[in-house]
Each structure stands twice: as C-alpha cells, then as structure tokens.
Amino acid sequence: MSLSPELHSVADMLTLSRRLLEQGVPYLQLAWHTPSLKPGLSPFAATAADVARLYAAVEAYLEGLARMTSLTFATLSEAAALLG
C-alpha cells in the first residue's frame, strides 16, 4: 500500500501511517500524479469533481496525520538534505 489519495482511502492511509509511525519510521511520503490536479489529464481525475475529491482527501489525510504527530513539510531535495 502507498500513501496516495488516488489509490487509497483516507482511512486506509491513516491506518498505514499510524502503523509506520508506531514502528519508528522517521518520514512519510504522500504522492499523487501531477496531471491529476487538472481535470481530464489523468484517469484518477477525469472531472473537476474528481480533482476536488483529491484535494479534499489530501486535506483530510493531513488533518488526521497532524492529530497523530507533528508535521514538517519538505520537498524531496529538502528531505534528502535533512536525512543526509
């Protein structure tokens, strides 16, 4: 399973995140395909309503994750530098 709102429910992603954090995983990576941010460019977001659902899922996931742990957002290059 991955942390992708295109493929998995918020509940499933939060369950996975909780289990990973309990096992001491130091970081989590939430990902989706960039074309999914515009209707019709991805099978995951064929309509404007699909794009809105993707944004809502990301928001709900981050709100749920913030209740579990403190969050630090980083780009991939920033994360690479932090993790050294």
N, C-alpha and C. Protein backbone atom coordinates (compact mmCIF):
# COMPACT_ATOMS: atom_id res chain seq x y z
N MET A 1 0.85 -1.18 0.00
CA MET A 1 0.00 0.00 0.00
C MET A 1 0.89 1.23 0.00
N SER A 2 0.40 2.27 -0.62
CA SER A 2 1.13 3.54 -0.68
C SER A 2 0.27 4.65 -0.08
N LEU A 3 0.91 5.77 0.16
CA LEU A 3 0.18 6.95 0.64
C LEU A 3 -0.19 7.79 -0.58
N SER A 4 -1.21 7.32 -1.28
CA SER A 4 -1.68 8.00 -2.49
C SER A 4 -3.19 8.15 -2.44
N PRO A 5 -3.68 9.39 -2.41
CA PRO A 5 -5.13 9.59 -2.38
C PRO A 5 -5.81 9.20 -3.70
N GLU A 6 -5.03 8.95 -4.73
CA GLU A 6 -5.60 8.48 -5.99
C GLU A 6 -6.01 7.01 -5.88
N LEU A 7 -5.30 6.27 -5.04
CA LEU A 7 -5.47 4.82 -4.98
C LEU A 7 -6.10 4.31 -3.70
N HIS A 8 -6.00 5.08 -2.62
CA HIS A 8 -6.42 4.57 -1.31
C HIS A 8 -7.28 5.58 -0.56
N SER A 9 -8.10 5.08 0.33
CA SER A 9 -8.96 5.95 1.12
C SER A 9 -8.15 6.66 2.20
N VAL A 10 -8.69 7.76 2.68
CA VAL A 10 -8.05 8.49 3.78
C VAL A 10 -7.91 7.57 4.99
N ALA A 11 -8.93 6.81 5.30
CA ALA A 11 -8.87 5.91 6.46
C ALA A 11 -7.74 4.91 6.31
N ASP A 12 -7.59 4.33 5.15
CA ASP A 12 -6.51 3.36 4.93
C ASP A 12 -5.14 4.02 5.03
N MET A 13 -5.01 5.22 4.47
CA MET A 13 -3.72 5.91 4.54
C MET A 13 -3.38 6.28 5.98
N LEU A 14 -4.37 6.67 6.77
CA LEU A 14 -4.12 7.00 8.17
C LEU A 14 -3.76 5.76 8.97
N THR A 15 -4.39 4.64 8.69
CA THR A 15 -4.05 3.39 9.37
C THR A 15 -2.61 3.00 9.06
N LEU A 16 -2.24 3.06 7.79
CA LEU A 16 -0.86 2.75 7.41
C LEU A 16 0.11 3.71 8.08
N SER A 17 -0.20 4.99 8.07
CA SER A 17 0.67 5.99 8.68
C SER A 17 0.86 5.72 10.17
N ARG A 18 -0.24 5.43 10.86
CA ARG A 18 -0.15 5.15 12.30
C ARG A 18 0.75 3.96 12.56
N ARG A 19 0.60 2.90 11.78
CA ARG A 19 1.42 1.70 11.97
C ARG A 19 2.89 1.97 11.67
N LEU A 20 3.15 2.73 10.62
CA LEU A 20 4.54 3.07 10.30
C LEU A 20 5.16 3.92 11.39
N LEU A 21 4.43 4.91 11.88
CA LEU A 21 4.94 5.76 12.95
C LEU A 21 5.20 4.95 14.22
N GLU A 22 4.31 4.03 14.53
CA GLU A 22 4.49 3.17 15.71
C GLU A 22 5.74 2.31 15.58
N GLN A 23 6.13 1.99 14.36
CA GLN A 23 7.33 1.18 14.12
C GLN A 23 8.59 2.04 14.02
N GLY A 24 8.44 3.35 14.19
CA GLY A 24 9.58 4.24 14.21
C GLY A 24 10.04 4.77 12.87
N VAL A 25 9.21 4.64 11.84
CA VAL A 25 9.57 5.19 10.54
C VAL A 25 9.71 6.71 10.69
N PRO A 26 10.85 7.28 10.25
CA PRO A 26 11.09 8.70 10.50
C PRO A 26 10.41 9.67 9.54
N TYR A 27 9.92 9.19 8.42
CA TYR A 27 9.26 10.09 7.48
C TYR A 27 8.23 9.33 6.66
N LEU A 28 7.27 10.07 6.14
CA LEU A 28 6.22 9.53 5.28
C LEU A 28 6.20 10.36 4.01
N GLN A 29 5.87 9.73 2.90
CA GLN A 29 5.80 10.45 1.63
C GLN A 29 4.42 10.28 1.02
N LEU A 30 3.69 11.37 0.94
CA LEU A 30 2.38 11.41 0.29
C LEU A 30 2.62 11.76 -1.17
N ALA A 31 2.02 11.03 -2.09
CA ALA A 31 2.28 11.27 -3.51
C ALA A 31 1.04 11.06 -4.35
N TRP A 32 0.99 11.82 -5.45
CA TRP A 32 -0.02 11.62 -6.47
C TRP A 32 0.56 12.12 -7.78
N HIS A 33 -0.08 11.80 -8.87
CA HIS A 33 0.38 12.21 -10.19
C HIS A 33 0.01 13.68 -10.44
N THR A 34 0.97 14.47 -10.87
CA THR A 34 0.72 15.88 -11.14
C THR A 34 -0.45 16.11 -12.10
N PRO A 35 -0.61 15.31 -13.16
CA PRO A 35 -1.75 15.54 -14.06
C PRO A 35 -3.11 15.43 -13.38
N SER A 36 -3.15 14.80 -12.22
CA SER A 36 -4.42 14.66 -11.50
C SER A 36 -4.92 15.99 -10.93
N LEU A 37 -4.11 17.02 -11.00
CA LEU A 37 -4.53 18.33 -10.50
C LEU A 37 -5.33 19.12 -11.52
N LYS A 38 -5.48 18.57 -12.72
CA LYS A 38 -6.27 19.23 -13.76
C LYS A 38 -7.23 18.20 -14.35
N PRO A 39 -8.50 18.51 -14.39
CA PRO A 39 -9.48 17.55 -14.91
C PRO A 39 -9.15 17.07 -16.32
N GLY A 40 -9.31 15.78 -16.51
CA GLY A 40 -9.18 15.21 -17.84
C GLY A 40 -7.78 14.78 -18.24
N LEU A 41 -6.75 15.09 -17.44
CA LEU A 41 -5.39 14.71 -17.80
C LEU A 41 -4.95 13.39 -17.18
N SER A 42 -5.78 12.84 -16.32
CA SER A 42 -5.42 11.62 -15.61
C SER A 42 -6.68 10.78 -15.42
N PRO A 43 -6.55 9.48 -15.47
CA PRO A 43 -7.72 8.64 -15.19
C PRO A 43 -8.21 8.77 -13.74
N PHE A 44 -7.34 9.30 -12.88
CA PHE A 44 -7.72 9.49 -11.48
C PHE A 44 -8.53 10.76 -11.27
N ALA A 45 -8.52 11.65 -12.24
CA ALA A 45 -9.21 12.93 -12.11
C ALA A 45 -9.80 13.33 -13.46
N ALA A 46 -10.81 12.61 -13.85
CA ALA A 46 -11.43 12.86 -15.16
C ALA A 46 -12.28 14.13 -15.18
N THR A 47 -12.79 14.50 -14.01
CA THR A 47 -13.69 15.66 -13.93
C THR A 47 -13.22 16.63 -12.85
N ALA A 48 -13.80 17.83 -12.85
CA ALA A 48 -13.49 18.81 -11.80
C ALA A 48 -13.89 18.26 -10.43
N ALA A 49 -14.96 17.49 -10.37
CA ALA A 49 -15.38 16.90 -9.09
C ALA A 49 -14.34 15.90 -8.60
N ASP A 50 -13.71 15.16 -9.51
CA ASP A 50 -12.65 14.23 -9.12
C ASP A 50 -11.45 14.98 -8.53
N VAL A 51 -11.09 16.10 -9.14
CA VAL A 51 -9.99 16.91 -8.64
C VAL A 51 -10.34 17.45 -7.25
N ALA A 52 -11.55 17.92 -7.08
CA ALA A 52 -11.99 18.42 -5.77
C ALA A 52 -11.92 17.31 -4.72
N ARG A 53 -12.30 16.08 -5.10
CA ARG A 53 -12.22 14.95 -4.17
C ARG A 53 -10.75 14.67 -3.80
N LEU A 54 -9.85 14.79 -4.76
CA LEU A 54 -8.43 14.58 -4.48
C LEU A 54 -7.93 15.60 -3.46
N TYR A 55 -8.24 16.88 -3.69
CA TYR A 55 -7.84 17.92 -2.74
C TYR A 55 -8.45 17.66 -1.36
N ALA A 56 -9.71 17.28 -1.32
CA ALA A 56 -10.37 17.01 -0.05
C ALA A 56 -9.72 15.83 0.67
N ALA A 57 -9.33 14.82 -0.08
CA ALA A 57 -8.67 13.66 0.53
C ALA A 57 -7.31 14.05 1.09
N VAL A 58 -6.56 14.85 0.37
CA VAL A 58 -5.26 15.31 0.86
C VAL A 58 -5.45 16.11 2.15
N GLU A 59 -6.41 17.02 2.14
CA GLU A 59 -6.67 17.83 3.34
C GLU A 59 -7.08 16.95 4.52
N ALA A 60 -7.97 16.02 4.30
CA ALA A 60 -8.43 15.15 5.39
C ALA A 60 -7.30 14.28 5.92
N TYR A 61 -6.47 13.77 5.01
CA TYR A 61 -5.33 12.95 5.44
C TYR A 61 -4.38 13.77 6.30
N LEU A 62 -4.01 14.97 5.84
CA LEU A 62 -3.07 15.79 6.60
C LEU A 62 -3.64 16.22 7.94
N GLU A 63 -4.94 16.51 7.99
CA GLU A 63 -5.56 16.84 9.27
C GLU A 63 -5.51 15.65 10.22
N GLY A 64 -5.80 14.46 9.71
CA GLY A 64 -5.74 13.26 10.54
C GLY A 64 -4.33 12.95 10.99
N LEU A 65 -3.38 13.09 10.08
CA LEU A 65 -1.98 12.83 10.43
C LEU A 65 -1.48 13.82 11.47
N ALA A 66 -1.90 15.09 11.37
CA ALA A 66 -1.49 16.10 12.33
C ALA A 66 -1.99 15.80 13.74
N ARG A 67 -3.07 15.03 13.84
CA ARG A 67 -3.57 14.62 15.16
C ARG A 67 -2.71 13.50 15.75
N MET A 68 -1.94 12.82 14.90
CA MET A 68 -1.08 11.72 15.36
C MET A 68 0.32 12.16 15.73
N THR A 69 0.83 13.14 15.00
CA THR A 69 2.24 13.51 15.15
C THR A 69 2.44 14.94 14.65
N SER A 70 3.57 15.53 15.01
CA SER A 70 3.89 16.85 14.46
C SER A 70 4.36 16.66 13.02
N LEU A 71 4.08 17.65 12.19
CA LEU A 71 4.40 17.54 10.77
C LEU A 71 5.45 18.57 10.38
N THR A 72 6.34 18.15 9.51
CA THR A 72 7.28 19.04 8.85
C THR A 72 7.19 18.72 7.37
N PHE A 73 6.87 19.72 6.57
CA PHE A 73 6.74 19.51 5.14
C PHE A 73 8.08 19.81 4.47
N ALA A 74 8.41 19.01 3.47
CA ALA A 74 9.68 19.21 2.76
C ALA A 74 9.55 18.71 1.33
N THR A 75 10.26 19.38 0.44
CA THR A 75 10.38 18.86 -0.93
C THR A 75 11.32 17.65 -0.88
N LEU A 76 11.41 16.92 -1.97
CA LEU A 76 12.32 15.77 -2.00
C LEU A 76 13.77 16.19 -1.77
N SER A 77 14.19 17.28 -2.36
CA SER A 77 15.58 17.72 -2.17
C SER A 77 15.80 18.19 -0.73
N GLU A 78 14.82 18.84 -0.14
CA GLU A 78 14.94 19.24 1.27
C GLU A 78 14.99 18.03 2.19
N ALA A 79 14.17 17.04 1.91
CA ALA A 79 14.17 15.81 2.71
C ALA A 79 15.50 15.09 2.59
N ALA A 80 16.05 15.03 1.39
CA ALA A 80 17.36 14.38 1.20
C ALA A 80 18.43 15.08 2.04
N ALA A 81 18.41 16.40 2.07
CA ALA A 81 19.38 17.15 2.86
C ALA A 81 19.17 16.90 4.35
N LEU A 82 17.93 16.88 4.79
CA LEU A 82 17.63 16.65 6.22
C LEU A 82 18.02 15.25 6.66
N LEU A 83 17.81 14.27 5.81
CA LEU A 83 18.06 12.88 6.16
C LEU A 83 19.52 12.49 5.93
N GLY A 84 20.25 13.37 5.22
CA GLY A 84 21.67 13.25 4.97
C GLY A 84 22.14 11.97 4.47
